[in-house]
Amino acid sequence: MGRVLSLYRSSVGKKILMSVTGVVFVFFVIAHMVGNLKAFMGPDHFDEYAHFLREIGEPIFPYGVLLWVFRIVLLGCLAIHALFALQTWWTNRAARPVKYAKGLQPEESTFASRNMRWGGIVLFLFVVAHLLHFTTGQLHPDFVPGAAFRNLVLGFQEQWVAGLYIGVMFVLGLHLYHGVWSSFQTLGLNHPGYNRYRRPLAALVAIVVFLGFAAVPVAVLTGTLSLGGRG
């Protein structure tokens, strides 16, 4: 227990825990993106996929329970990630009361890295709103339980919803870009033989994830994905 507290209290420990929770989030994001793209395979296939996710764990767990356990774990990881990002930023800010001279930036500083703390908060709030919109339906005026494809299409037919979603996916891409790159160093995966591939890999992950998620609302707005005669 003492080692866990020491890890939590140290700046290095916070960065390690941020990286670990970030890795969990990256794998989830990629899996979720692949799942979303199943909408292009048709309403029946997408609804079957959504139903399958809720069946995972049966009969040991009741229908949908294990999926909710996973969602709660994900929210916990995101909350820890955002909290530690704010704590690390505040500690660094307090240790450096004098700002950098105009025009100078710390080494390896990028737009993505300078906004990581706010990105984490935005993503946490988005996940909560996203669950209330497409999972439980409180924020979806036309929500029908179990009709995943229908809920998806009707939800993104609202232009402001689709626009907000795409904007947050851009924030997610920036967050992934810096997070994937910096996690290599934080977790000790640092070697001259492959260090030059870290930024291209981070950029590739960020671009693929952004385009993969943005494809669905864009397809709904352009009519590529629609309810047809099923509305």
C-alpha atoms as a PDB file:
ATOM      1  CA  MET A   1       0.000   0.000   0.000  1.00  0.00           C
ATOM      2  CA  GLY A   2       2.876   2.332   0.822  1.00  0.00           C
ATOM      3  CA  ARG A   3       4.422   1.834  -2.605  1.00  0.00           C
ATOM      4  CA  VAL A   4       1.100   2.597  -4.284  1.00  0.00           C
ATOM      5  CA  LEU A   5       0.785   5.860  -2.312  1.00  0.00           C
ATOM      6  CA  SER A   6       4.383   6.786  -3.128  1.00  0.00           C
ATOM      7  CA  LEU A   7       3.705   6.135  -6.802  1.00  0.00           C
ATOM      8  CA  TYR A   8       0.582   8.291  -6.651  1.00  0.00           C
ATOM      9  CA  ARG A   9       2.320  11.181  -4.895  1.00  0.00           C
ATOM     10  CA  SER A  10       5.340  11.349  -7.207  1.00  0.00           C
ATOM     11  CA  SER A  11       5.256  13.179 -10.535  1.00  0.00           C
ATOM     12  CA  VAL A  12       6.886  10.179 -12.223  1.00  0.00           C
ATOM     13  CA  GLY A  13       4.262   7.866 -10.736  1.00  0.00           C
ATOM     14  CA  LYS A  14       1.458  10.093 -11.981  1.00  0.00           C
ATOM     15  CA  LYS A  15       2.943  10.074 -15.478  1.00  0.00           C
ATOM     16  CA  ILE A  16       3.220   6.275 -15.417  1.00  0.00           C
ATOM     17  CA  LEU A  17      -0.390   5.891 -14.277  1.00  0.00           C
ATOM     18  CA  MET A  18      -1.481   8.410 -16.930  1.00  0.00           C
ATOM     19  CA  SER A  19       0.324   6.357 -19.570  1.00  0.00           C
ATOM     20  CA  VAL A  20      -1.180   3.063 -18.383  1.00  0.00           C
ATOM     21  CA  THR A  21      -4.731   4.448 -18.301  1.00  0.00           C
ATOM     22  CA  GLY A  22      -4.017   6.092 -21.652  1.00  0.00           C
ATOM     23  CA  VAL A  23      -3.018   2.754 -23.183  1.00  0.00           C
ATOM     24  CA  VAL A  24      -6.311   1.242 -21.957  1.00  0.00           C
ATOM     25  CA  PHE A  25      -8.153   4.143 -23.574  1.00  0.00           C
ATOM     26  CA  VAL A  26      -6.266   3.818 -26.891  1.00  0.00           C
ATOM     27  CA  PHE A  27      -7.177   0.144 -27.257  1.00  0.00           C
ATOM     28  CA  PHE A  28     -10.798   0.907 -26.413  1.00  0.00           C
ATOM     29  CA  VAL A  29     -10.930   3.790 -28.883  1.00  0.00           C
ATOM     30  CA  ILE A  30      -9.612   1.646 -31.739  1.00  0.00           C
ATOM     31  CA  ALA A  31     -12.031  -1.195 -30.933  1.00  0.00           C
ATOM     32  CA  HIS A  32     -14.940   1.254 -30.656  1.00  0.00           C
ATOM     33  CA  MET A  33     -14.015   2.863 -33.977  1.00  0.00           C
ATOM     34  CA  VAL A  34     -14.024  -0.535 -35.707  1.00  0.00           C
ATOM     35  CA  GLY A  35     -17.412  -1.251 -34.149  1.00  0.00           C
ATOM     36  CA  ASN A  36     -18.837   2.065 -35.360  1.00  0.00           C
ATOM     37  CA  LEU A  37     -17.694   1.346 -38.912  1.00  0.00           C
ATOM     38  CA  LYS A  38     -19.905  -1.751 -38.905  1.00  0.00           C
ATOM     39  CA  ALA A  39     -22.755   0.670 -39.561  1.00  0.00           C
ATOM     40  CA  PHE A  40     -21.615   0.660 -43.201  1.00  0.00           C
ATOM     41  CA  MET A  41     -22.426  -3.064 -43.329  1.00  0.00           C
ATOM     42  CA  GLY A  42     -26.110  -2.334 -42.865  1.00  0.00           C
ATOM     43  CA  PRO A  43     -28.667  -1.870 -40.068  1.00  0.00           C
ATOM     44  CA  ASP A  44     -29.179  -5.562 -39.367  1.00  0.00           C
ATOM     45  CA  HIS A  45     -25.468  -6.244 -38.981  1.00  0.00           C
ATOM     46  CA  PHE A  46     -24.972  -3.181 -36.770  1.00  0.00           C
ATOM     47  CA  ASP A  47     -27.930  -4.049 -34.530  1.00  0.00           C
ATOM     48  CA  GLU A  48     -26.668  -7.635 -34.203  1.00  0.00           C
ATOM     49  CA  TYR A  49     -23.244  -6.316 -33.226  1.00  0.00           C
ATOM     50  CA  ALA A  50     -24.768  -4.044 -30.556  1.00  0.00           C
ATOM     51  CA  HIS A  51     -26.816  -6.962 -29.244  1.00  0.00           C
ATOM     52  CA  PHE A  52     -23.716  -9.186 -29.159  1.00  0.00           C
ATOM     53  CA  LEU A  53     -21.852  -6.687 -26.957  1.00  0.00           C
ATOM     54  CA  ARG A  54     -24.649  -6.870 -24.398  1.00  0.00           C
ATOM     55  CA  GLU A  55     -24.653 -10.668 -24.426  1.00  0.00           C
ATOM     56  CA  ILE A  56     -20.979 -10.891 -23.431  1.00  0.00           C
ATOM     57  CA  GLY A  57     -20.651 -12.582 -20.050  1.00  0.00           C
ATOM     58  CA  GLU A  58     -23.954 -14.477 -20.145  1.00  0.00           C
ATOM     59  CA  PRO A  59     -25.102 -16.565 -18.372  1.00  0.00           C
ATOM     60  CA  ILE A  60     -22.630 -15.721 -15.581  1.00  0.00           C
ATOM     61  CA  PHE A  61     -23.583 -12.039 -15.792  1.00  0.00           C
ATOM     62  CA  PRO A  62     -27.072 -10.756 -16.612  1.00  0.00           C
ATOM     63  CA  TYR A  63     -27.669  -9.251 -20.046  1.00  0.00           C
ATOM     64  CA  GLY A  64     -25.650  -6.060 -20.526  1.00  0.00           C
ATOM     65  CA  VAL A  65     -24.049  -6.047 -17.061  1.00  0.00           C
ATOM     66  CA  LEU A  66     -20.487  -6.895 -18.114  1.00  0.00           C
ATOM     67  CA  LEU A  67     -20.609  -4.176 -20.776  1.00  0.00           C
ATOM     68  CA  TRP A  68     -21.583  -1.652 -18.105  1.00  0.00           C
ATOM     69  CA  VAL A  69     -18.751  -2.866 -15.883  1.00  0.00           C
ATOM     70  CA  PHE A  70     -16.361  -2.178 -18.743  1.00  0.00           C
ATOM     71  CA  ARG A  71     -17.866   1.281 -19.308  1.00  0.00           C
ATOM     72  CA  ILE A  72     -17.462   2.165 -15.625  1.00  0.00           C
ATOM     73  CA  VAL A  73     -13.828   0.979 -15.675  1.00  0.00           C
ATOM     74  CA  LEU A  74     -13.233   3.103 -18.769  1.00  0.00           C
ATOM     75  CA  LEU A  75     -14.768   6.169 -17.116  1.00  0.00           C
ATOM     76  CA  GLY A  76     -12.594   5.535 -14.061  1.00  0.00           C
ATOM     77  CA  CYS A  77      -9.473   5.368 -16.236  1.00  0.00           C
ATOM     78  CA  LEU A  78     -10.461   8.589 -17.966  1.00  0.00           C
ATOM     79  CA  ALA A  79     -11.165  10.334 -14.648  1.00  0.00           C
ATOM     80  CA  ILE A  80      -7.783   9.267 -13.257  1.00  0.00           C
ATOM     81  CA  HIS A  81      -6.104  10.295 -16.491  1.00  0.00           C
ATOM     82  CA  ALA A  82      -7.672  13.768 -16.468  1.00  0.00           C
ATOM     83  CA  LEU A  83      -7.084  14.278 -12.726  1.00  0.00           C
ATOM     84  CA  PHE A  84      -3.414  13.354 -12.907  1.00  0.00           C
ATOM     85  CA  ALA A  85      -2.954  15.543 -15.983  1.00  0.00           C
ATOM     86  CA  LEU A  86      -4.316  18.541 -14.056  1.00  0.00           C
ATOM     87  CA  GLN A  87      -2.231  17.726 -10.969  1.00  0.00           C
ATOM     88  CA  THR A  88       0.946  17.355 -13.025  1.00  0.00           C
ATOM     89  CA  TRP A  89       0.263  20.618 -14.848  1.00  0.00           C
ATOM     90  CA  TRP A  90      -0.405  22.454 -11.567  1.00  0.00           C
ATOM     91  CA  THR A  91       2.756  21.048  -9.967  1.00  0.00           C
ATOM     92  CA  ASN A  92       4.880  22.077 -12.964  1.00  0.00           C
ATOM     93  CA  ARG A  93       3.256  25.513 -13.022  1.00  0.00           C
ATOM     94  CA  ALA A  94       3.907  26.051  -9.324  1.00  0.00           C
ATOM     95  CA  ALA A  95       7.530  24.965  -9.746  1.00  0.00           C
ATOM     96  CA  ARG A  96       8.007  27.463 -12.584  1.00  0.00           C
ATOM     97  CA  PRO A  97       6.396  30.727 -11.456  1.00  0.00           C
ATOM     98  CA  VAL A  98       8.134  32.727 -14.181  1.00  0.00           C
ATOM     99  CA  LYS A  99       6.634  32.133 -17.595  1.00  0.00           C
ATOM    100  CA  TYR A 100       8.746  31.374 -20.640  1.00  0.00           C
ATOM    101  CA  ALA A 101       9.882  34.427 -22.532  1.00  0.00           C
ATOM    102  CA  LYS A 102       7.693  35.384 -25.456  1.00  0.00           C
ATOM    103  CA  GLY A 103       8.439  33.275 -28.493  1.00  0.00           C
ATOM    104  CA  LEU A 104      10.167  30.552 -26.485  1.00  0.00           C
ATOM    105  CA  GLN A 105       8.591  27.194 -25.749  1.00  0.00           C
ATOM    106  CA  PRO A 106       9.847  24.252 -23.718  1.00  0.00           C
ATOM    107  CA  GLU A 107      11.623  21.476 -25.581  1.00  0.00           C
ATOM    108  CA  GLU A 108       9.332  19.032 -27.408  1.00  0.00           C
ATOM    109  CA  SER A 109       6.378  21.368 -26.824  1.00  0.00           C
ATOM    110  CA  THR A 110       3.579  21.154 -29.378  1.00  0.00           C
ATOM    111  CA  PHE A 111       0.024  22.442 -29.597  1.00  0.00           C
ATOM    112  CA  ALA A 112      -1.202  18.951 -28.703  1.00  0.00           C
ATOM    113  CA  SER A 113       1.072  18.625 -25.674  1.00  0.00           C
ATOM    114  CA  ARG A 114       0.203  22.085 -24.326  1.00  0.00           C
ATOM    115  CA  ASN A 115      -3.517  21.250 -24.378  1.00  0.00           C
ATOM    116  CA  MET A 116      -3.410  17.679 -23.092  1.00  0.00           C
ATOM    117  CA  ARG A 117      -4.940  18.556 -19.723  1.00  0.00           C
ATOM    118  CA  TRP A 118      -7.957  20.265 -21.293  1.00  0.00           C
ATOM    119  CA  GLY A 119      -8.286  17.518 -23.873  1.00  0.00           C
ATOM    120  CA  GLY A 120      -8.603  14.920 -21.124  1.00  0.00           C
ATOM    121  CA  ILE A 121     -11.401  16.862 -19.434  1.00  0.00           C
ATOM    122  CA  VAL A 122     -13.234  17.381 -22.734  1.00  0.00           C
ATOM    123  CA  LEU A 123     -13.002  13.672 -23.551  1.00  0.00           C
ATOM    124  CA  PHE A 124     -14.252  12.634 -20.102  1.00  0.00           C
ATOM    125  CA  LEU A 125     -17.280  14.932 -20.370  1.00  0.00           C
ATOM    126  CA  PHE A 126     -17.878  13.754 -23.932  1.00  0.00           C
ATOM    127  CA  VAL A 127     -17.903  10.075 -22.934  1.00  0.00           C
ATOM    128  CA  VAL A 128     -20.516  10.796 -20.261  1.00  0.00           C
ATOM    129  CA  ALA A 129     -22.679  12.754 -22.738  1.00  0.00           C
ATOM    130  CA  HIS A 130     -22.134  10.088 -25.414  1.00  0.00           C
ATOM    131  CA  LEU A 131     -23.439   7.372 -23.080  1.00  0.00           C
ATOM    132  CA  LEU A 132     -26.479   9.493 -22.215  1.00  0.00           C
ATOM    133  CA  HIS A 133     -27.088  10.086 -25.914  1.00  0.00           C
ATOM    134  CA  PHE A 134     -26.580   6.739 -27.649  1.00  0.00           C
ATOM    135  CA  THR A 135     -26.647   4.224 -24.770  1.00  0.00           C
ATOM    136  CA  THR A 136     -29.273   5.255 -22.234  1.00  0.00           C
ATOM    137  CA  GLY A 137     -31.142   7.777 -24.397  1.00  0.00           C
ATOM    138  CA  GLN A 138     -31.643  10.640 -21.934  1.00  0.00           C
ATOM    139  CA  LEU A 139     -30.124  13.105 -24.433  1.00  0.00           C
ATOM    140  CA  HIS A 140     -31.666  11.468 -27.510  1.00  0.00           C
ATOM    141  CA  PRO A 141     -35.256  12.659 -28.166  1.00  0.00           C
ATOM    142  CA  ASP A 142     -36.000   9.763 -30.571  1.00  0.00           C
ATOM    143  CA  PHE A 143     -34.202   6.996 -28.689  1.00  0.00           C
ATOM    144  CA  VAL A 144     -35.540   3.430 -28.998  1.00  0.00           C
ATOM    145  CA  PRO A 145     -33.875   0.790 -26.764  1.00  0.00           C
ATOM    146  CA  GLY A 146     -32.149  -1.906 -28.821  1.00  0.00           C
ATOM    147  CA  ALA A 147     -32.459  -0.025 -32.138  1.00  0.00           C
ATOM    148  CA  ALA A 148     -28.767   0.873 -32.363  1.00  0.00           C
ATOM    149  CA  PHE A 149     -28.654   1.721 -36.086  1.00  0.00           C
ATOM    150  CA  ARG A 150     -31.811   3.810 -35.917  1.00  0.00           C
ATOM    151  CA  ASN A 151     -30.555   5.720 -32.885  1.00  0.00           C
ATOM    152  CA  LEU A 152     -27.198   6.311 -34.583  1.00  0.00           C
ATOM    153  CA  VAL A 153     -28.696   7.714 -37.785  1.00  0.00           C
ATOM    154  CA  LEU A 154     -31.338   9.885 -36.131  1.00  0.00           C
ATOM    155  CA  GLY A 155     -28.782  11.173 -33.646  1.00  0.00           C
ATOM    156  CA  PHE A 156     -26.337  12.309 -36.325  1.00  0.00           C
ATOM    157  CA  GLN A 157     -29.041  13.773 -38.533  1.00  0.00           C
ATOM    158  CA  GLU A 158     -28.932  16.713 -36.135  1.00  0.00           C
ATOM    159  CA  GLN A 159     -26.193  18.801 -37.753  1.00  0.00           C
ATOM    160  CA  TRP A 160     -25.009  20.388 -34.514  1.00  0.00           C
ATOM    161  CA  VAL A 161     -24.672  16.951 -32.903  1.00  0.00           C
ATOM    162  CA  ALA A 162     -22.661  15.635 -35.856  1.00  0.00           C
ATOM    163  CA  GLY A 163     -20.506  18.782 -35.896  1.00  0.00           C
ATOM    164  CA  LEU A 164     -19.835  18.615 -32.162  1.00  0.00           C
ATOM    165  CA  TYR A 165     -18.976  14.918 -32.454  1.00  0.00           C
ATOM    166  CA  ILE A 166     -16.498  15.550 -35.285  1.00  0.00           C
ATOM    167  CA  GLY A 167     -14.959  18.426 -33.313  1.00  0.00           C
ATOM    168  CA  VAL A 168     -14.433  16.229 -30.262  1.00  0.00           C
ATOM    169  CA  MET A 169     -12.927  13.531 -32.499  1.00  0.00           C
ATOM    170  CA  PHE A 170     -10.400  16.144 -33.638  1.00  0.00           C
ATOM    171  CA  VAL A 171      -9.570  16.812 -29.980  1.00  0.00           C
ATOM    172  CA  LEU A 172      -9.259  13.055 -29.508  1.00  0.00           C
ATOM    173  CA  GLY A 173      -6.843  12.862 -32.438  1.00  0.00           C
ATOM    174  CA  LEU A 174      -4.628  15.571 -30.930  1.00  0.00           C
ATOM    175  CA  HIS A 175      -4.750  13.818 -27.567  1.00  0.00           C
ATOM    176  CA  LEU A 176      -3.788  10.479 -29.106  1.00  0.00           C
ATOM    177  CA  TYR A 177      -0.982  12.042 -31.119  1.00  0.00           C
ATOM    178  CA  HIS A 178       0.829  13.358 -28.074  1.00  0.00           C
ATOM    179  CA  GLY A 179      -0.272  10.541 -25.775  1.00  0.00           C
ATOM    180  CA  VAL A 180       0.959   7.697 -27.988  1.00  0.00           C
ATOM    181  CA  TRP A 181       4.253   9.480 -28.632  1.00  0.00           C
ATOM    182  CA  SER A 182       4.956  10.373 -24.987  1.00  0.00           C
ATOM    183  CA  SER A 183       3.860   6.979 -23.606  1.00  0.00           C
ATOM    184  CA  PHE A 184       6.837   5.290 -25.263  1.00  0.00           C
ATOM    185  CA  GLN A 185       9.209   7.446 -23.239  1.00  0.00           C
ATOM    186  CA  THR A 186       7.215   7.345 -19.986  1.00  0.00           C
ATOM    187  CA  LEU A 187       6.972   3.543 -20.029  1.00  0.00           C
ATOM    188  CA  GLY A 188      10.657   3.141 -20.847  1.00  0.00           C
ATOM    189  CA  LEU A 189      10.134   2.104 -24.474  1.00  0.00           C
ATOM    190  CA  ASN A 190      12.923   4.375 -25.600  1.00  0.00           C
ATOM    191  CA  HIS A 191      15.556   3.140 -28.046  1.00  0.00           C
ATOM    192  CA  PRO A 192      17.624   4.927 -30.732  1.00  0.00           C
ATOM    193  CA  GLY A 193      16.752   2.162 -33.187  1.00  0.00           C
ATOM    194  CA  TYR A 194      13.038   2.983 -33.293  1.00  0.00           C
ATOM    195  CA  ASN A 195      12.660   6.410 -31.666  1.00  0.00           C
ATOM    196  CA  ARG A 196      12.354   8.035 -35.089  1.00  0.00           C
ATOM    197  CA  TYR A 197       9.184   6.003 -35.726  1.00  0.00           C
ATOM    198  CA  ARG A 198       7.380   7.221 -32.624  1.00  0.00           C
ATOM    199  CA  ARG A 199       5.967  10.452 -34.047  1.00  0.00           C
ATOM    200  CA  PRO A 200       4.927   8.922 -37.414  1.00  0.00           C
ATOM    201  CA  LEU A 201       3.204   6.079 -35.530  1.00  0.00           C
ATOM    202  CA  ALA A 202       1.452   8.524 -33.207  1.00  0.00           C
ATOM    203  CA  ALA A 203       0.347  10.621 -36.189  1.00  0.00           C
ATOM    204  CA  LEU A 204      -0.915   7.531 -38.026  1.00  0.00           C
ATOM    205  CA  VAL A 205      -2.980   6.388 -35.013  1.00  0.00           C
ATOM    206  CA  ALA A 206      -4.422   9.895 -34.549  1.00  0.00           C
ATOM    207  CA  ILE A 207      -5.358  10.328 -38.230  1.00  0.00           C
ATOM    208  CA  VAL A 208      -6.876   6.850 -38.627  1.00  0.00           C
ATOM    209  CA  VAL A 209      -8.950   7.234 -35.448  1.00  0.00           C
ATOM    210  CA  PHE A 210     -10.182  10.701 -36.408  1.00  0.00           C
ATOM    211  CA  LEU A 211     -11.150   9.671 -39.937  1.00  0.00           C
ATOM    212  CA  GLY A 212     -12.709   6.413 -38.742  1.00  0.00           C
ATOM    213  CA  PHE A 213     -14.961   8.128 -36.207  1.00  0.00           C
ATOM    214  CA  ALA A 214     -15.761  11.134 -38.418  1.00  0.00           C
ATOM    215  CA  ALA A 215     -16.783   8.858 -41.305  1.00  0.00           C
ATOM    216  CA  VAL A 216     -20.060   7.829 -39.632  1.00  0.00           C
ATOM    217  CA  PRO A 217     -21.604  11.275 -38.953  1.00  0.00           C
ATOM    218  CA  VAL A 218     -20.377  12.509 -42.353  1.00  0.00           C
ATOM    219  CA  ALA A 219     -22.047   9.505 -44.005  1.00  0.00           C
ATOM    220  CA  VAL A 220     -25.299  10.250 -42.168  1.00  0.00           C
ATOM    221  CA  LEU A 221     -25.248  13.935 -43.159  1.00  0.00           C
ATOM    222  CA  THR A 222     -24.578  13.068 -46.805  1.00  0.00           C
ATOM    223  CA  GLY A 223     -27.249  10.367 -46.889  1.00  0.00           C
ATOM    224  CA  THR A 224     -24.819   7.479 -47.355  1.00  0.00           C
ATOM    225  CA  LEU A 225     -26.148   6.034 -44.108  1.00  0.00           C
ATOM    226  CA  SER A 226     -29.902   6.390 -43.746  1.00  0.00           C
ATOM    227  CA  LEU A 227     -32.927   4.588 -42.393  1.00  0.00           C
ATOM    228  CA  GLY A 228     -34.489   4.159 -45.811  1.00  0.00           C
ATOM    229  CA  GLY A 229     -37.835   2.535 -45.337  1.00  0.00           C
ATOM    230  CA  ARG A 230     -37.094   1.544 -41.748  1.00  0.00           C
ATOM    231  CA  GLY A 231     -37.681   4.899 -40.041  1.00  0.00           C
END
